[in-house]
Protein backbone atom coordinates (compact mmCIF):
# COMPACT_ATOMS: atom_id res chain seq x y z
CA MET A 1 77.41 -234.54 13.18
CA THR A 2 81.06 -234.76 12.13
CA ARG A 3 82.41 -231.71 10.32
CA ALA A 4 83.80 -232.34 6.86
CA LEU A 5 87.58 -232.44 6.68
CA PRO A 6 88.89 -229.76 4.29
CA TRP A 7 90.72 -231.04 1.22
CA LEU A 8 93.57 -228.80 0.03
CA GLU A 9 94.90 -228.41 -3.48
CA PRO A 10 98.57 -227.40 -3.81
CA GLY A 11 98.90 -223.72 -2.95
CA ASP A 12 95.59 -223.49 -1.08
CA PRO A 13 95.67 -221.58 2.22
CA PHE A 14 95.37 -223.58 5.43
CA PRO A 15 92.27 -223.35 7.58
CA PRO A 16 92.95 -221.65 10.94
CA ALA A 17 94.75 -224.00 13.33
CA GLU A 18 91.85 -223.54 15.75
CA ALA A 19 89.54 -225.22 13.19
CA ALA A 20 91.13 -228.66 13.75
CA TRP A 21 88.82 -231.50 14.77
CA GLY A 22 88.04 -231.55 18.47
CA PRO A 23 87.38 -234.24 21.07
CA ARG A 24 83.94 -235.08 19.65
CA ASP A 25 85.27 -235.61 16.13
CA PRO A 26 86.71 -238.93 14.84
CA ILE A 27 90.38 -237.86 15.00
CA PRO A 28 91.06 -234.93 17.36
CA GLY A 29 93.74 -232.55 16.13
CA LEU A 30 93.34 -233.33 12.43
CA LEU A 31 92.96 -230.10 10.45
CA ALA A 32 93.05 -230.88 6.70
CA ALA A 33 94.24 -233.30 4.04
CA GLY A 34 95.93 -232.88 0.68
CA GLY A 35 98.05 -229.97 -0.44
CA ALA A 36 101.79 -230.26 -1.00
CA LEU A 37 105.04 -230.74 0.91
CA ASP A 38 107.09 -228.08 -0.88
CA VAL A 39 109.18 -225.62 1.13
CA PRO A 40 106.79 -222.61 0.94
CA THR A 41 103.85 -224.76 2.08
CA LEU A 42 105.78 -226.24 5.00
CA VAL A 43 106.98 -222.82 6.10
CA ARG A 44 103.42 -221.48 6.01
CA ALA A 45 102.24 -224.48 8.00
CA TYR A 46 104.82 -224.20 10.78
CA ARG A 47 104.34 -220.45 11.05
CA ALA A 48 100.67 -221.18 11.73
CA GLY A 49 101.33 -223.95 14.27
CA ILE A 50 100.44 -226.73 11.81
CA PHE A 51 102.51 -229.79 10.91
CA PRO A 52 102.21 -232.78 8.53
CA TRP A 53 101.99 -236.35 9.79
CA PHE A 54 100.78 -239.32 7.75
CA GLY A 55 101.65 -242.91 6.93
CA ARG A 56 102.25 -244.93 3.82
CA ASP A 57 99.32 -245.05 1.38
CA GLN A 58 97.68 -242.04 3.05
CA PRO A 59 97.22 -238.53 1.69
CA ILE A 60 99.15 -235.70 3.30
CA LEU A 61 97.47 -234.99 6.64
CA TRP A 62 97.85 -231.72 8.54
CA TRP A 63 97.52 -231.41 12.32
CA SER A 64 97.06 -228.87 15.09
CA PRO A 65 96.49 -230.73 18.39
CA GLU A 66 94.70 -229.30 21.41
CA PRO A 67 96.44 -229.20 23.85
CA ARG A 68 99.99 -228.94 22.45
CA MET A 69 103.07 -230.61 23.98
CA VAL A 70 105.78 -227.98 24.46
CA LEU A 71 109.23 -227.99 26.05
CA ARG A 72 110.26 -224.67 27.51
CA PRO A 73 114.08 -224.71 27.61
CA GLU A 74 114.17 -223.29 31.14
CA ARG A 75 111.97 -226.19 32.32
CA PHE A 76 114.11 -228.98 30.85
CA HIS A 77 114.62 -231.75 33.41
CA LEU A 78 118.25 -232.82 33.48
CA SER A 79 118.28 -236.04 35.48
CA HIS A 80 121.14 -236.80 37.81
CA SER A 81 122.18 -239.80 35.72
CA LEU A 82 122.20 -237.84 32.43
CA ARG A 83 124.05 -234.95 34.03
CA LYS A 84 126.69 -237.35 35.35
CA ALA A 85 127.03 -239.11 31.98
CA LEU A 86 127.38 -235.82 30.10
CA ARG A 87 129.96 -234.32 32.41
CA SER A 88 132.01 -237.52 32.45
CA ALA A 89 131.96 -237.86 28.65
CA LEU A 90 132.86 -234.19 28.15
CA ARG A 91 135.76 -234.34 30.58
CA ALA A 92 137.07 -237.46 28.83
CA ARG A 93 136.53 -235.81 25.42
CA ARG A 94 134.58 -238.82 24.19
CA LEU A 95 131.44 -236.84 23.31
CA ASP A 96 131.15 -234.38 20.43
CA ILE A 97 127.98 -232.51 19.52
CA ARG A 98 127.73 -231.35 15.92
CA ILE A 99 125.05 -229.43 14.05
CA ASP A 100 124.10 -230.02 10.41
CA THR A 101 127.06 -232.22 9.52
CA ALA A 102 124.96 -235.34 8.80
CA PHE A 103 121.36 -234.21 8.29
CA ASP A 104 120.54 -236.88 5.69
CA THR A 105 121.94 -239.65 7.88
CA VAL A 106 120.02 -238.40 10.91
CA ILE A 107 116.64 -238.28 9.19
CA GLU A 108 117.18 -241.71 7.64
CA ALA A 109 118.11 -243.11 11.06
CA CYS A 110 115.00 -241.55 12.60
CA ALA A 111 112.92 -243.21 9.88
CA HIS A 112 114.47 -246.67 10.20
CA THR A 113 115.33 -247.10 13.88
CA PRO A 114 112.74 -249.51 15.42
CA ARG A 115 110.65 -248.07 18.25
CA PRO A 116 108.88 -250.10 20.96
CA GLY A 117 105.18 -250.50 20.25
CA GLN A 118 105.38 -248.81 16.86
CA ASP A 119 104.74 -250.63 13.60
CA GLY A 120 106.37 -248.81 10.73
CA THR A 121 107.16 -245.11 10.51
CA TRP A 122 105.48 -241.83 9.64
CA ILE A 123 108.78 -240.59 8.18
CA VAL A 124 107.89 -241.90 4.74
CA PRO A 125 110.03 -241.18 1.65
CA GLU A 126 107.93 -238.12 0.75
CA MET A 127 108.61 -236.67 4.21
CA ILE A 128 112.33 -237.38 3.98
CA ALA A 129 112.51 -235.57 0.63
CA ALA A 130 110.48 -232.66 1.99
CA TYR A 131 112.65 -232.11 5.05
CA ARG A 132 115.84 -232.46 3.05
CA ALA A 133 114.52 -229.60 0.93
CA LEU A 134 113.72 -227.63 4.10
CA HIS A 135 117.27 -228.29 5.29
CA ALA A 136 118.70 -227.05 1.99
CA ALA A 137 116.58 -223.91 2.39
CA GLY A 138 118.00 -223.32 5.88
CA HIS A 139 114.82 -224.13 7.82
CA ALA A 140 115.59 -227.67 9.08
CA HIS A 141 118.59 -228.73 11.16
CA SER A 142 120.13 -231.76 12.79
CA VAL A 143 121.71 -231.94 16.24
CA GLU A 144 124.06 -234.92 16.31
CA THR A 145 125.65 -237.00 19.07
CA TRP A 146 129.08 -238.27 18.06
CA TRP A 147 130.82 -240.73 20.39
CA GLU A 148 134.52 -241.30 19.81
CA GLY A 149 134.10 -240.21 16.20
CA ARG A 150 130.94 -242.23 15.45
CA LEU A 151 127.42 -240.88 14.95
CA VAL A 152 125.36 -242.67 17.63
CA GLY A 153 122.26 -240.49 18.01
CA GLY A 154 120.59 -237.24 17.19
CA LEU A 155 117.45 -235.37 16.24
CA TYR A 156 116.14 -233.14 13.50
CA LEU A 157 113.95 -230.08 13.77
CA VAL A 158 112.43 -227.12 11.98
CA ASN A 159 113.44 -223.57 12.93
CA LEU A 160 111.65 -220.36 12.00
CA GLY A 161 112.79 -217.20 13.75
CA ARG A 162 113.22 -218.08 17.43
CA ALA A 163 110.73 -220.96 17.34
CA VAL A 164 112.00 -224.54 17.24
CA PHE A 165 109.77 -227.44 16.19
CA GLY A 166 111.14 -230.85 17.16
CA GLU A 167 110.46 -233.68 14.73
CA SER A 168 112.14 -236.98 15.63
CA MET A 169 115.09 -238.51 17.49
CA PHE A 170 117.11 -241.70 17.23
CA SER A 171 119.64 -243.44 19.43
CA HIS A 172 122.15 -246.20 18.76
CA ARG A 173 123.74 -245.85 22.19
CA PRO A 174 122.14 -245.39 25.62
CA ASP A 175 121.18 -241.76 26.24
CA ALA A 176 122.49 -240.62 22.83
CA SER A 177 119.21 -238.98 21.80
CA LYS A 178 118.82 -237.43 25.27
CA MET A 179 122.30 -235.96 24.93
CA ALA A 180 121.32 -234.40 21.60
CA LEU A 181 118.17 -232.95 23.15
CA ALA A 182 120.14 -231.63 26.12
CA ALA A 183 122.52 -229.95 23.69
CA LEU A 184 119.59 -228.42 21.81
CA VAL A 185 118.17 -227.09 25.08
CA ALA A 186 121.55 -225.62 26.05
CA ALA A 187 121.80 -223.91 22.65
CA CYS A 188 118.22 -222.64 22.88
CA ARG A 189 118.98 -221.11 26.26
CA ALA A 190 122.03 -219.39 24.78
CA TRP A 191 119.99 -218.14 21.80
CA SER A 192 116.94 -217.00 23.84
CA VAL A 193 114.65 -219.48 22.06
CA PRO A 194 111.45 -219.57 24.16
CA LEU A 195 109.94 -222.88 23.07
CA ILE A 196 110.58 -226.27 21.50
CA ASP A 197 107.39 -227.71 20.02
CA CYS A 198 107.03 -231.42 20.79
CA GLN A 199 103.66 -231.74 19.02
CA GLN A 200 102.08 -234.61 20.99
CA ASN A 201 102.29 -235.95 24.53
CA THR A 202 104.52 -238.91 25.32
CA ARG A 203 105.75 -240.20 28.66
CA HIS A 204 109.35 -239.83 27.49
CA LEU A 205 108.94 -236.14 26.64
CA ALA A 206 107.08 -235.48 29.89
CA SER A 207 109.99 -237.01 31.84
CA LEU A 208 112.30 -234.45 30.22
CA GLY A 209 110.17 -231.49 31.26
CA ALA A 210 107.78 -231.05 28.34
CA ALA A 211 104.17 -230.28 29.25
CA GLU A 212 100.83 -229.77 27.56
CA GLU A 213 99.78 -226.17 26.94
CA PRO A 214 96.56 -224.74 25.55
CA ARG A 215 96.76 -224.40 21.78
CA ALA A 216 95.86 -220.71 22.00
CA ALA A 217 98.85 -219.98 24.23
CA PHE A 218 101.16 -222.02 22.00
CA LEU A 219 99.97 -220.23 18.84
CA ARG A 220 100.36 -216.82 20.48
CA ASP A 221 103.99 -217.56 21.39
CA VAL A 222 104.79 -219.08 17.99
CA ARG A 223 103.45 -216.04 16.18
CA ARG A 224 105.74 -213.83 18.25
CA ALA A 225 108.79 -216.07 17.93
CA VAL A 226 108.74 -216.78 14.19
CA ASP A 227 109.28 -213.14 13.27
CA ALA A 228 112.42 -212.77 15.40
CA PRO A 229 115.88 -213.14 13.80
CA PRO A 230 116.85 -216.83 13.66
CA PRO A 231 119.96 -218.07 15.49
CA VAL A 232 123.13 -219.09 13.71
CA TRP A 233 123.10 -222.88 13.81
CA HIS A 234 126.61 -223.54 15.01
CA TRP A 235 127.53 -225.59 18.08
CA ASN A 236 129.75 -224.08 20.75
CA CYS A 237 130.96 -226.35 23.56
CA LEU A 238 130.48 -223.48 26.02
CA TYR A 239 126.72 -223.87 25.56
CA TRP A 240 126.93 -226.88 27.88
CA ASN A 241 127.43 -224.56 30.82
CA ARG A 242 123.89 -223.25 30.24
CA LEU A 243 122.72 -226.55 31.76
CA TRP A 244 124.75 -226.24 34.98
CA PRO A 245 125.72 -222.57 35.47
CA GLU A 246 126.31 -223.20 39.18
CA SER A 247 129.32 -225.45 38.43
CA PRO A 248 130.61 -224.73 34.91
CA LEU A 249 133.09 -227.01 33.20
CA ASP A 250 136.35 -225.76 31.77
CA LEU A 251 135.46 -226.47 28.14
CA PRO A 252 137.02 -225.39 24.85
CA ASP A 253 134.90 -223.24 22.54
CA THR A 254 135.67 -225.55 19.63
CA PRO A 255 134.86 -229.27 19.40
CA PRO A 256 137.57 -231.85 20.08
CA PRO A 257 139.09 -233.78 17.16
CA PRO A 258 137.30 -237.05 16.26
CA ARG A 259 138.71 -240.12 17.92
CA THR A 260 139.07 -243.53 16.35
CA PRO A 261 136.63 -246.09 17.83
């Protein structure tokens, strides 16, 4: 017999993440419905390993999958082709990584960039408004790929303490979103961030080194990480050398000036 799905009123506490529907239930990983998307509720959710995900004309749905897809920064797979592209672009000063200079543009691009095999988006207007509010409160950030002065890719995320929760990426140039993720990994290594939550398994994330972990292990590490002091979200070009310490580049510690396309 299927367990009833809890319905939350705004301000209600979340059920334990471990109470999410399992493999014998209609939708594994679904924890609750309803509630609100205000900043305090979202912070409580992420601290507990819970995230919202729903489509148009649906109520707010809250999730805690088992297992959980997680990228450990030290396990990031930097392919030969991406490594070559990054080093070439950095030497030529064509690539500029920025943090939090275009959050609104990034989340809108994530919502509206078509994806193969996907009809529509889960980044509905209510979600955009909610994460803009999280950004204003200092809990959501964008990592942006600028190519010759143009924003061509990026990602946005939630950060609490030393835990990072990836949300979505977009790319308007080959490898632009991968470059943003590589930059995030480099920064996380510099900041001693132990995990980047990827939520659910995809072939793309697996190719970059993410792997499924038991929910219990993920929740244990999140609970430790969220109480640590958060990093200062500022990009330093020297972070790149965290990806290839064996052959560091001679890079400035400030970004190059934008170039005209």
